[in-house]
Amino acid sequence: MKQLREEWFANWLKENTEFEQQEILKFHKNDTLGIPATSVKMKRLFVETVSITSVIKENSKVDILYIDFLEKGQKALQDR
């Protein structure tokens, strides 16, 4: 499983030379690679991916995006 995830990420890096938040989130939300128990957005009997937190810091500006898969919502926090 670890090797598969490393390969998926290496492939993603080859295809994405510029790191855009939406593309990074798309990778982390992916539940189609492998099977549900091994995919990036994993779901097993007793453990699963429940959220993603993304932080962007540009100079003194910080933006935080929290995506909650259980509540099916997202919150954006900004510090300027």
Protein backbone atom coordinates (compact mmCIF):
# COMPACT_ATOMS: atom_id res chain seq x y z
CA MET A 1 0.00 0.00 0.00
CA LYS A 2 2.78 2.42 0.93
CA GLN A 3 4.59 1.76 -2.37
CA LEU A 4 1.38 2.31 -4.35
CA ARG A 5 0.76 5.66 -2.67
CA GLU A 6 4.35 6.73 -3.31
CA GLU A 7 3.90 5.86 -6.99
CA TRP A 8 0.59 7.75 -7.21
CA PHE A 9 2.20 10.81 -5.66
CA ALA A 10 5.28 10.58 -7.90
CA ASN A 11 3.00 10.39 -10.94
CA TRP A 12 1.02 13.37 -9.67
CA LEU A 13 4.25 15.37 -9.26
CA LYS A 14 5.24 14.58 -12.86
CA GLU A 15 1.89 15.87 -14.12
CA ASN A 16 1.70 18.93 -11.83
CA THR A 17 4.81 21.09 -11.97
CA GLU A 18 3.02 24.07 -10.43
CA PHE A 19 1.32 23.46 -7.11
CA GLU A 20 -2.22 24.81 -7.29
CA GLN A 21 -4.46 24.33 -4.27
CA GLN A 22 -7.38 22.90 -6.25
CA GLU A 23 -5.15 20.32 -7.96
CA ILE A 24 -3.58 19.29 -4.64
CA LEU A 25 -7.03 18.93 -3.09
CA LYS A 26 -8.23 16.94 -6.09
CA PHE A 27 -5.38 14.46 -5.49
CA HIS A 28 -6.20 14.13 -1.78
CA LYS A 29 -9.93 13.70 -2.49
CA ASN A 30 -9.27 10.89 -4.98
CA ASP A 31 -11.02 7.68 -3.99
CA THR A 32 -10.63 5.97 -7.38
CA LEU A 33 -6.94 4.97 -7.18
CA GLY A 34 -6.67 1.39 -5.98
CA ILE A 35 -9.49 0.09 -3.85
CA PRO A 36 -11.33 2.01 -1.08
CA ALA A 37 -9.08 0.52 1.60
CA THR A 38 -5.91 1.77 -0.11
CA SER A 39 -6.96 4.83 -2.11
CA VAL A 40 -5.71 8.30 -1.24
CA LYS A 41 -9.10 9.10 0.27
CA MET A 42 -9.23 5.87 2.20
CA LYS A 43 -12.20 4.05 3.69
CA ARG A 44 -11.72 0.91 5.75
CA LEU A 45 -13.97 -0.79 8.25
CA PHE A 46 -12.60 1.05 11.32
CA VAL A 47 -10.59 3.92 9.83
CA GLU A 48 -11.06 6.39 6.98
CA THR A 49 -10.04 9.79 5.70
CA VAL A 50 -12.36 12.21 7.48
CA SER A 51 -10.94 15.59 6.50
CA ILE A 52 -8.34 17.57 4.58
CA THR A 53 -6.70 20.77 5.78
CA SER A 54 -4.95 22.96 3.23
CA VAL A 55 -2.78 25.93 4.20
CA ILE A 56 -1.51 28.59 1.79
CA LYS A 57 0.97 31.18 3.04
CA GLU A 58 2.01 33.99 0.75
CA ASN A 59 4.13 36.66 2.39
CA SER A 60 2.14 37.66 5.48
CA LYS A 61 -1.19 36.30 4.20
CA VAL A 62 -2.35 32.87 5.42
CA ASP A 63 -5.43 31.06 4.09
CA ILE A 64 -6.65 27.81 5.63
CA LEU A 65 -9.23 25.57 4.03
CA TYR A 66 -10.73 22.72 6.06
CA ILE A 67 -12.83 20.11 4.28
CA ASP A 68 -14.89 17.81 6.51
CA PHE A 69 -15.96 14.66 4.69
CA LEU A 70 -18.21 13.48 7.52
CA GLU A 71 -20.25 16.68 7.68
CA LYS A 72 -19.81 17.24 3.94
CA GLY A 73 -18.79 20.85 4.36
CA GLN A 74 -15.84 23.13 4.18
CA LYS A 75 -14.67 26.19 6.04
CA ALA A 76 -12.22 28.84 4.92
CA LEU A 77 -10.18 30.83 7.40
CA GLN A 78 -8.17 33.83 6.31
CA ASP A 79 -5.54 35.79 8.15
CA ARG A 80 -4.45 38.97 6.44
